[in-house]
């Protein structure tokens, strides 16, 4: 787990000295070491670099399947949801009281129209949000008041 989650540099650090990403990776490792047969994780990879997210999700899903462990997690990155989730729970904001979430297999629910309805934005923006964000950041360079 130390190698998978790149924690070697953290071993000699105090908690106050680790970055958000390092802390998040340590929490993932501890969850597997001391967790139960079922883990509930809210945005477990939010502070990780893109390659670390892929590596963590690959390891978590492989580990869960090999050890008959159920992992329930929230993640807002659609490509990771599609690639690593067996099932999805989709929430719809526009329903009274938040509505009843739709639950099903990833194949059933990872559909363009359902995703657009849940997020209330075009699917392409969700799929390409990181690239769109980078492009917007590039455009702000050199603007007064922008670093």
N, C-alpha and C. Protein backbone atom coordinates (compact mmCIF):
# COMPACT_ATOMS: atom_id res chain seq x y z
N UNK A 1 0.82 -1.20 0.00
CA UNK A 1 0.00 0.00 0.00
C UNK A 1 0.86 1.26 0.00
N UNK A 2 1.99 1.19 0.68
CA UNK A 2 2.90 2.34 0.69
C UNK A 2 3.37 2.65 -0.73
N UNK A 3 3.69 1.63 -1.49
CA UNK A 3 4.15 1.83 -2.86
C UNK A 3 3.00 2.26 -3.76
N UNK A 4 1.88 1.57 -3.70
CA UNK A 4 0.73 1.87 -4.56
C UNK A 4 0.28 3.31 -4.39
N UNK A 5 0.20 3.77 -3.15
CA UNK A 5 -0.30 5.12 -2.89
C UNK A 5 0.82 6.16 -2.71
N UNK A 6 2.04 5.76 -3.08
CA UNK A 6 3.20 6.67 -3.07
C UNK A 6 3.36 7.39 -1.73
N UNK A 7 3.47 6.61 -0.68
CA UNK A 7 3.56 7.17 0.67
C UNK A 7 4.96 7.13 1.27
N UNK A 8 5.94 6.70 0.51
CA UNK A 8 7.31 6.58 1.04
C UNK A 8 7.79 7.90 1.66
N UNK A 9 7.56 8.99 0.98
CA UNK A 9 8.04 10.29 1.46
C UNK A 9 7.29 10.76 2.70
N UNK A 10 6.14 10.18 2.97
CA UNK A 10 5.32 10.62 4.11
C UNK A 10 5.69 9.91 5.41
N UNK A 11 6.42 8.82 5.32
CA UNK A 11 6.68 8.00 6.50
C UNK A 11 7.41 8.75 7.61
N UNK A 12 8.25 9.68 7.25
CA UNK A 12 9.01 10.42 8.26
C UNK A 12 8.38 11.77 8.60
N UNK A 13 7.21 12.06 8.02
CA UNK A 13 6.56 13.35 8.26
C UNK A 13 5.51 13.26 9.36
N UNK A 14 5.29 14.40 10.00
CA UNK A 14 4.18 14.51 10.95
C UNK A 14 2.93 14.87 10.15
N UNK A 15 1.77 14.63 10.73
CA UNK A 15 0.50 14.89 10.04
C UNK A 15 0.42 16.32 9.52
N UNK A 16 0.92 17.29 10.29
CA UNK A 16 0.84 18.69 9.91
C UNK A 16 1.71 19.00 8.68
N UNK A 17 2.61 18.11 8.35
CA UNK A 17 3.56 18.36 7.28
C UNK A 17 3.17 17.74 5.94
N UNK A 18 2.12 16.94 5.90
CA UNK A 18 1.75 16.29 4.65
C UNK A 18 0.78 17.16 3.85
N UNK A 19 0.82 17.02 2.55
CA UNK A 19 -0.08 17.76 1.67
C UNK A 19 -1.47 17.12 1.69
N UNK A 20 -2.43 17.79 1.10
CA UNK A 20 -3.79 17.22 1.00
C UNK A 20 -3.77 15.91 0.23
N UNK A 21 -3.03 15.88 -0.85
CA UNK A 21 -2.94 14.66 -1.64
C UNK A 21 -2.30 13.51 -0.88
N UNK A 22 -1.23 13.82 -0.14
CA UNK A 22 -0.58 12.79 0.67
C UNK A 22 -1.53 12.28 1.75
N UNK A 23 -2.23 13.19 2.39
CA UNK A 23 -3.18 12.80 3.42
C UNK A 23 -4.29 11.92 2.83
N UNK A 24 -4.79 12.31 1.68
CA UNK A 24 -5.86 11.54 1.03
C UNK A 24 -5.37 10.14 0.69
N UNK A 25 -4.16 10.02 0.19
CA UNK A 25 -3.61 8.71 -0.15
C UNK A 25 -3.39 7.87 1.11
N UNK A 26 -2.98 8.50 2.21
CA UNK A 26 -2.81 7.78 3.48
C UNK A 26 -4.15 7.27 4.00
N UNK A 27 -5.18 8.09 3.86
CA UNK A 27 -6.52 7.66 4.29
C UNK A 27 -6.98 6.46 3.48
N UNK A 28 -6.72 6.47 2.18
CA UNK A 28 -7.08 5.31 1.36
C UNK A 28 -6.37 4.05 1.84
N UNK A 29 -5.07 4.17 2.11
CA UNK A 29 -4.31 3.02 2.59
C UNK A 29 -4.85 2.52 3.92
N UNK A 30 -5.10 3.42 4.87
CA UNK A 30 -5.63 3.02 6.16
C UNK A 30 -7.01 2.39 6.03
N UNK A 31 -7.81 2.90 5.12
CA UNK A 31 -9.15 2.34 4.90
C UNK A 31 -9.07 0.87 4.51
N UNK A 32 -8.10 0.55 3.70
CA UNK A 32 -7.94 -0.85 3.28
C UNK A 32 -7.32 -1.70 4.38
N UNK A 33 -6.38 -1.13 5.12
CA UNK A 33 -5.73 -1.88 6.19
C UNK A 33 -6.66 -2.17 7.36
N UNK A 34 -7.46 -1.20 7.73
CA UNK A 34 -8.25 -1.31 8.94
C UNK A 34 -9.74 -1.21 8.70
N UNK A 35 -10.15 -1.28 7.46
CA UNK A 35 -11.56 -1.18 7.11
C UNK A 35 -12.31 -2.47 7.32
N UNK A 36 -13.58 -2.40 7.01
CA UNK A 36 -14.45 -3.57 7.15
C UNK A 36 -14.66 -4.20 5.77
N UNK A 37 -15.61 -5.08 5.66
CA UNK A 37 -15.94 -5.73 4.39
C UNK A 37 -16.64 -4.75 3.45
N UNK A 38 -17.03 -3.59 3.98
CA UNK A 38 -17.70 -2.59 3.19
C UNK A 38 -17.11 -1.22 3.54
N UNK A 39 -16.67 -0.49 2.53
CA UNK A 39 -16.12 0.84 2.75
C UNK A 39 -17.01 1.88 2.09
N UNK A 40 -17.26 2.96 2.80
CA UNK A 40 -18.01 4.09 2.27
C UNK A 40 -17.04 5.26 2.15
N UNK A 41 -16.89 5.79 0.95
CA UNK A 41 -15.90 6.85 0.72
C UNK A 41 -16.54 8.01 -0.03
N UNK A 42 -16.39 9.20 0.52
CA UNK A 42 -16.89 10.41 -0.12
C UNK A 42 -15.72 11.11 -0.81
N UNK A 43 -15.72 11.11 -2.12
CA UNK A 43 -14.66 11.73 -2.92
C UNK A 43 -13.27 11.27 -2.46
N UNK A 44 -13.01 9.97 -2.49
CA UNK A 44 -11.73 9.46 -1.96
C UNK A 44 -10.50 9.87 -2.75
N UNK A 45 -10.67 10.38 -3.96
CA UNK A 45 -9.49 10.69 -4.78
C UNK A 45 -9.43 12.16 -5.18
N UNK A 46 -10.20 13.02 -4.50
CA UNK A 46 -10.33 14.41 -4.92
C UNK A 46 -9.02 15.18 -4.97
N UNK A 47 -8.09 14.93 -4.10
CA UNK A 47 -6.86 15.73 -4.02
C UNK A 47 -5.68 15.08 -4.73
N UNK A 48 -5.94 14.05 -5.51
CA UNK A 48 -4.85 13.33 -6.17
C UNK A 48 -4.61 13.85 -7.58
N UNK A 49 -3.39 13.66 -8.05
CA UNK A 49 -3.05 13.97 -9.44
C UNK A 49 -3.78 12.97 -10.34
N UNK A 50 -3.95 13.32 -11.61
CA UNK A 50 -4.72 12.47 -12.54
C UNK A 50 -4.18 11.03 -12.58
N UNK A 51 -2.87 10.86 -12.70
CA UNK A 51 -2.32 9.51 -12.77
C UNK A 51 -2.52 8.76 -11.45
N UNK A 52 -2.51 9.50 -10.32
CA UNK A 52 -2.73 8.87 -9.02
C UNK A 52 -4.18 8.42 -8.87
N UNK A 53 -5.10 9.19 -9.44
CA UNK A 53 -6.52 8.81 -9.40
C UNK A 53 -6.72 7.50 -10.13
N UNK A 54 -6.15 7.40 -11.31
CA UNK A 54 -6.26 6.16 -12.10
C UNK A 54 -5.65 4.98 -11.34
N UNK A 55 -4.47 5.19 -10.81
CA UNK A 55 -3.77 4.13 -10.09
C UNK A 55 -4.55 3.70 -8.85
N UNK A 56 -5.08 4.68 -8.10
CA UNK A 56 -5.84 4.37 -6.89
C UNK A 56 -7.13 3.63 -7.23
N UNK A 57 -7.86 4.11 -8.23
CA UNK A 57 -9.12 3.45 -8.58
C UNK A 57 -8.87 2.04 -9.11
N UNK A 58 -7.83 1.88 -9.90
CA UNK A 58 -7.50 0.55 -10.41
C UNK A 58 -7.17 -0.39 -9.26
N UNK A 59 -6.36 0.09 -8.34
CA UNK A 59 -5.99 -0.75 -7.20
C UNK A 59 -7.21 -1.06 -6.33
N UNK A 60 -8.01 -0.04 -6.02
CA UNK A 60 -9.18 -0.25 -5.16
C UNK A 60 -10.15 -1.26 -5.75
N UNK A 61 -10.44 -1.14 -7.04
CA UNK A 61 -11.40 -2.07 -7.64
C UNK A 61 -10.82 -3.48 -7.75
N UNK A 62 -9.56 -3.59 -8.09
CA UNK A 62 -8.93 -4.91 -8.17
C UNK A 62 -8.88 -5.55 -6.78
N UNK A 63 -8.49 -4.78 -5.78
CA UNK A 63 -8.42 -5.26 -4.41
C UNK A 63 -9.79 -5.69 -3.90
N UNK A 64 -10.80 -4.87 -4.18
CA UNK A 64 -12.16 -5.17 -3.71
C UNK A 64 -12.67 -6.47 -4.32
N UNK A 65 -12.46 -6.66 -5.59
CA UNK A 65 -12.92 -7.88 -6.25
C UNK A 65 -12.17 -9.12 -5.74
N UNK A 66 -10.88 -8.97 -5.54
CA UNK A 66 -10.06 -10.10 -5.08
C UNK A 66 -10.36 -10.48 -3.63
N UNK A 67 -10.84 -9.53 -2.83
CA UNK A 67 -11.06 -9.77 -1.40
C UNK A 67 -12.53 -9.71 -0.99
N UNK A 68 -13.41 -9.78 -1.97
CA UNK A 68 -14.86 -9.76 -1.72
C UNK A 68 -15.25 -8.60 -0.81
N UNK A 69 -14.78 -7.43 -1.19
CA UNK A 69 -15.00 -6.21 -0.42
C UNK A 69 -15.90 -5.28 -1.24
N UNK A 70 -16.87 -4.68 -0.60
CA UNK A 70 -17.75 -3.72 -1.29
C UNK A 70 -17.24 -2.31 -1.00
N UNK A 71 -17.07 -1.53 -2.05
CA UNK A 71 -16.66 -0.14 -1.90
C UNK A 71 -17.74 0.73 -2.53
N UNK A 72 -18.28 1.62 -1.71
CA UNK A 72 -19.26 2.60 -2.18
C UNK A 72 -18.56 3.95 -2.12
N UNK A 73 -18.56 4.65 -3.23
CA UNK A 73 -17.85 5.93 -3.25
C UNK A 73 -18.59 6.94 -4.12
N UNK A 74 -18.38 8.20 -3.78
CA UNK A 74 -18.87 9.27 -4.64
C UNK A 74 -17.68 9.83 -5.39
N UNK A 75 -17.89 10.08 -6.64
CA UNK A 75 -16.86 10.69 -7.47
C UNK A 75 -17.59 11.45 -8.57
N UNK A 76 -17.12 12.65 -8.84
CA UNK A 76 -17.79 13.49 -9.83
C UNK A 76 -17.10 13.46 -11.19
N UNK A 77 -16.12 12.62 -11.33
CA UNK A 77 -15.41 12.50 -12.60
C UNK A 77 -16.03 11.35 -13.38
N UNK A 78 -16.77 11.71 -14.40
CA UNK A 78 -17.57 10.73 -15.14
C UNK A 78 -16.75 9.61 -15.75
N UNK A 79 -15.59 9.93 -16.28
CA UNK A 79 -14.79 8.88 -16.90
C UNK A 79 -14.36 7.82 -15.89
N UNK A 80 -14.08 8.24 -14.66
CA UNK A 80 -13.71 7.28 -13.62
C UNK A 80 -14.93 6.46 -13.18
N UNK A 81 -16.07 7.12 -13.10
CA UNK A 81 -17.30 6.39 -12.76
C UNK A 81 -17.58 5.32 -13.80
N UNK A 82 -17.47 5.69 -15.05
CA UNK A 82 -17.75 4.73 -16.12
C UNK A 82 -16.76 3.57 -16.10
N UNK A 83 -15.51 3.88 -15.92
CA UNK A 83 -14.46 2.87 -16.01
C UNK A 83 -14.40 1.92 -14.80
N UNK A 84 -14.66 2.45 -13.60
CA UNK A 84 -14.41 1.66 -12.40
C UNK A 84 -15.64 1.24 -11.60
N UNK A 85 -16.80 1.71 -11.97
CA UNK A 85 -17.99 1.39 -11.19
C UNK A 85 -18.80 0.27 -11.84
N UNK A 86 -19.22 -0.67 -11.03
CA UNK A 86 -20.12 -1.72 -11.50
C UNK A 86 -21.56 -1.20 -11.51
N UNK A 87 -21.87 -0.36 -10.54
CA UNK A 87 -23.21 0.21 -10.39
C UNK A 87 -23.09 1.71 -10.14
N UNK A 88 -24.17 2.43 -10.47
CA UNK A 88 -24.22 3.87 -10.24
C UNK A 88 -25.48 4.23 -9.47
N UNK A 89 -25.41 5.34 -8.76
CA UNK A 89 -26.57 5.96 -8.15
C UNK A 89 -26.56 7.40 -8.66
N UNK A 90 -27.59 7.76 -9.39
CA UNK A 90 -27.66 9.08 -10.00
C UNK A 90 -28.74 9.89 -9.30
N UNK A 91 -28.36 11.09 -8.87
CA UNK A 91 -29.29 12.00 -8.19
C UNK A 91 -29.73 13.08 -9.17
N UNK A 92 -30.97 13.49 -9.04
CA UNK A 92 -31.52 14.55 -9.90
C UNK A 92 -31.94 15.72 -9.03
N UNK A 93 -31.31 16.87 -9.24
CA UNK A 93 -31.59 18.07 -8.46
C UNK A 93 -33.00 18.60 -8.64
N UNK A 94 -33.53 18.52 -9.85
CA UNK A 94 -34.76 19.21 -10.16
C UNK A 94 -36.03 18.52 -9.66
N UNK A 95 -35.91 17.39 -9.00
CA UNK A 95 -37.08 16.71 -8.48
C UNK A 95 -37.42 17.26 -7.10
N UNK A 96 -38.70 17.36 -6.77
CA UNK A 96 -39.10 17.86 -5.44
C UNK A 96 -38.45 17.06 -4.32
N UNK A 97 -37.90 17.75 -3.34
CA UNK A 97 -37.25 17.08 -2.21
C UNK A 97 -35.99 16.34 -2.60
N UNK A 98 -35.45 16.65 -3.77
CA UNK A 98 -34.24 15.97 -4.22
C UNK A 98 -34.55 14.73 -5.03
N UNK A 99 -35.78 14.24 -4.90
CA UNK A 99 -36.19 13.07 -5.68
C UNK A 99 -35.55 11.78 -5.23
N UNK A 100 -35.97 10.74 -5.84
CA UNK A 100 -35.43 9.41 -5.57
C UNK A 100 -34.28 9.15 -6.52
N UNK A 101 -33.12 8.80 -6.01
CA UNK A 101 -32.01 8.52 -6.92
C UNK A 101 -32.31 7.29 -7.77
N UNK A 102 -31.73 7.28 -8.94
CA UNK A 102 -31.86 6.13 -9.82
C UNK A 102 -30.65 5.24 -9.58
N UNK A 103 -30.89 3.96 -9.37
CA UNK A 103 -29.82 3.01 -9.08
C UNK A 103 -29.86 1.90 -10.12
N UNK A 104 -28.69 1.56 -10.65
CA UNK A 104 -28.61 0.49 -11.64
C UNK A 104 -27.18 0.22 -12.03
N UNK A 105 -27.02 -0.65 -12.99
CA UNK A 105 -25.67 -0.96 -13.45
C UNK A 105 -25.11 0.25 -14.20
N UNK A 106 -23.81 0.30 -14.28
CA UNK A 106 -23.18 1.38 -15.01
C UNK A 106 -23.63 1.37 -16.47
N UNK A 107 -23.76 0.20 -17.05
CA UNK A 107 -24.21 0.10 -18.44
C UNK A 107 -25.61 0.69 -18.63
N UNK A 108 -26.47 0.52 -17.63
CA UNK A 108 -27.83 1.05 -17.72
C UNK A 108 -27.88 2.56 -17.54
N UNK A 109 -27.13 3.07 -16.57
CA UNK A 109 -27.28 4.47 -16.17
C UNK A 109 -26.26 5.43 -16.79
N UNK A 110 -25.18 4.92 -17.28
CA UNK A 110 -24.18 5.81 -17.89
C UNK A 110 -24.61 6.09 -19.32
N UNK A 111 -25.68 6.85 -19.43
CA UNK A 111 -26.28 7.22 -20.72
C UNK A 111 -26.28 8.74 -20.82
N UNK A 112 -25.96 9.23 -21.98
CA UNK A 112 -25.84 10.67 -22.19
C UNK A 112 -27.03 11.45 -21.66
N UNK A 113 -28.25 11.05 -22.00
CA UNK A 113 -29.44 11.81 -21.59
C UNK A 113 -29.63 11.79 -20.08
N UNK A 114 -29.37 10.66 -19.42
CA UNK A 114 -29.51 10.58 -17.97
C UNK A 114 -28.46 11.44 -17.25
N UNK A 115 -27.25 11.41 -17.76
CA UNK A 115 -26.17 12.21 -17.17
C UNK A 115 -26.46 13.70 -17.34
N UNK A 116 -26.89 14.10 -18.51
CA UNK A 116 -27.21 15.51 -18.75
C UNK A 116 -28.36 15.98 -17.86
N UNK A 117 -29.35 15.11 -17.67
CA UNK A 117 -30.48 15.47 -16.81
C UNK A 117 -30.02 15.64 -15.35
N UNK A 118 -29.17 14.76 -14.89
CA UNK A 118 -28.69 14.82 -13.51
C UNK A 118 -27.81 16.04 -13.27
N UNK A 119 -26.88 16.31 -14.18
CA UNK A 119 -25.93 17.41 -13.99
C UNK A 119 -26.43 18.74 -14.52
N UNK A 120 -27.45 18.70 -15.34
CA UNK A 120 -28.04 19.91 -15.93
C UNK A 120 -27.07 20.70 -16.79
N UNK A 121 -26.14 20.02 -17.42
CA UNK A 121 -25.22 20.63 -18.38
C UNK A 121 -24.98 19.63 -19.51
N UNK A 122 -24.54 20.12 -20.67
CA UNK A 122 -24.26 19.20 -21.77
C UNK A 122 -23.18 18.17 -21.41
N UNK A 123 -23.39 16.97 -21.86
CA UNK A 123 -22.50 15.85 -21.58
C UNK A 123 -21.06 16.15 -21.97
N UNK A 124 -20.86 16.78 -23.10
CA UNK A 124 -19.50 17.07 -23.58
C UNK A 124 -18.74 17.96 -22.61
N UNK A 125 -19.45 18.86 -21.94
CA UNK A 125 -18.79 19.71 -20.95
C UNK A 125 -18.34 18.90 -19.73
N UNK A 126 -19.12 17.92 -19.37
CA UNK A 126 -18.75 17.08 -18.24
C UNK A 126 -17.57 16.17 -18.59
N UNK A 127 -17.59 15.61 -19.77
CA UNK A 127 -16.53 14.72 -20.20
C UNK A 127 -15.20 15.47 -20.39
N UNK A 128 -15.29 16.72 -20.80
CA UNK A 128 -14.09 17.48 -21.12
C UNK A 128 -13.84 18.61 -20.13
N UNK A 129 -14.39 18.51 -18.93
CA UNK A 129 -14.32 19.64 -18.01
C UNK A 129 -12.90 20.02 -17.64
N UNK A 130 -12.01 19.05 -17.48
CA UNK A 130 -10.64 19.38 -17.11
C UNK A 130 -9.95 20.13 -18.25
N UNK A 131 -10.14 19.69 -19.47
CA UNK A 131 -9.55 20.37 -20.62
C UNK A 131 -10.15 21.77 -20.77
N UNK A 132 -11.46 21.90 -20.56
CA UNK A 132 -12.12 23.20 -20.64
C UNK A 132 -11.61 24.13 -19.54
N UNK A 133 -11.40 23.58 -18.35
CA UNK A 133 -10.89 24.39 -17.24
C UNK A 133 -9.48 24.88 -17.54
N UNK A 134 -8.64 23.99 -18.06
CA UNK A 134 -7.28 24.40 -18.41
C UNK A 134 -7.29 25.50 -19.46
N UNK A 135 -8.15 25.35 -20.47
CA UNK A 135 -8.24 26.35 -21.53
C UNK A 135 -8.68 27.69 -20.97
N UNK A 136 -9.65 27.69 -20.06
CA UNK A 136 -10.11 28.93 -19.43
C UNK A 136 -8.99 29.57 -18.62
N UNK A 137 -8.21 28.75 -17.92
CA UNK A 137 -7.09 29.27 -17.13
C UNK A 137 -6.04 29.91 -18.04
N UNK A 138 -5.77 29.28 -19.19
CA UNK A 138 -4.80 29.84 -20.13
C UNK A 138 -5.25 31.21 -20.63
N UNK A 139 -6.55 31.33 -20.86
CA UNK A 139 -7.08 32.59 -21.38
C UNK A 139 -7.02 33.71 -20.36
N UNK A 140 -6.99 33.39 -19.06
CA UNK A 140 -6.94 34.43 -18.03
C UNK A 140 -5.52 34.93 -17.79
N UNK A 141 -4.52 34.24 -18.29
CA UNK A 141 -3.13 34.70 -18.11
C UNK A 141 -2.96 36.05 -18.77
N UNK A 142 -2.33 36.90 -18.07
CA UNK A 142 -2.05 38.23 -18.62
C UNK A 142 -3.18 39.21 -18.43
N UNK A 143 -4.32 38.77 -17.95
CA UNK A 143 -5.44 39.68 -17.70
C UNK A 143 -5.18 40.42 -16.38
N UNK A 144 -5.54 41.69 -16.30
CA UNK A 144 -5.34 42.43 -15.05
C UNK A 144 -6.02 41.74 -13.87
N UNK A 145 -5.29 41.62 -12.78
CA UNK A 145 -5.82 40.99 -11.58
C UNK A 145 -5.78 39.48 -11.59
N UNK A 146 -5.28 38.88 -12.67
CA UNK A 146 -5.20 37.43 -12.77
C UNK A 146 -3.73 37.00 -12.77
N UNK A 147 -3.44 35.96 -12.01
CA UNK A 147 -2.05 35.50 -11.95
C UNK A 147 -1.82 34.40 -12.96
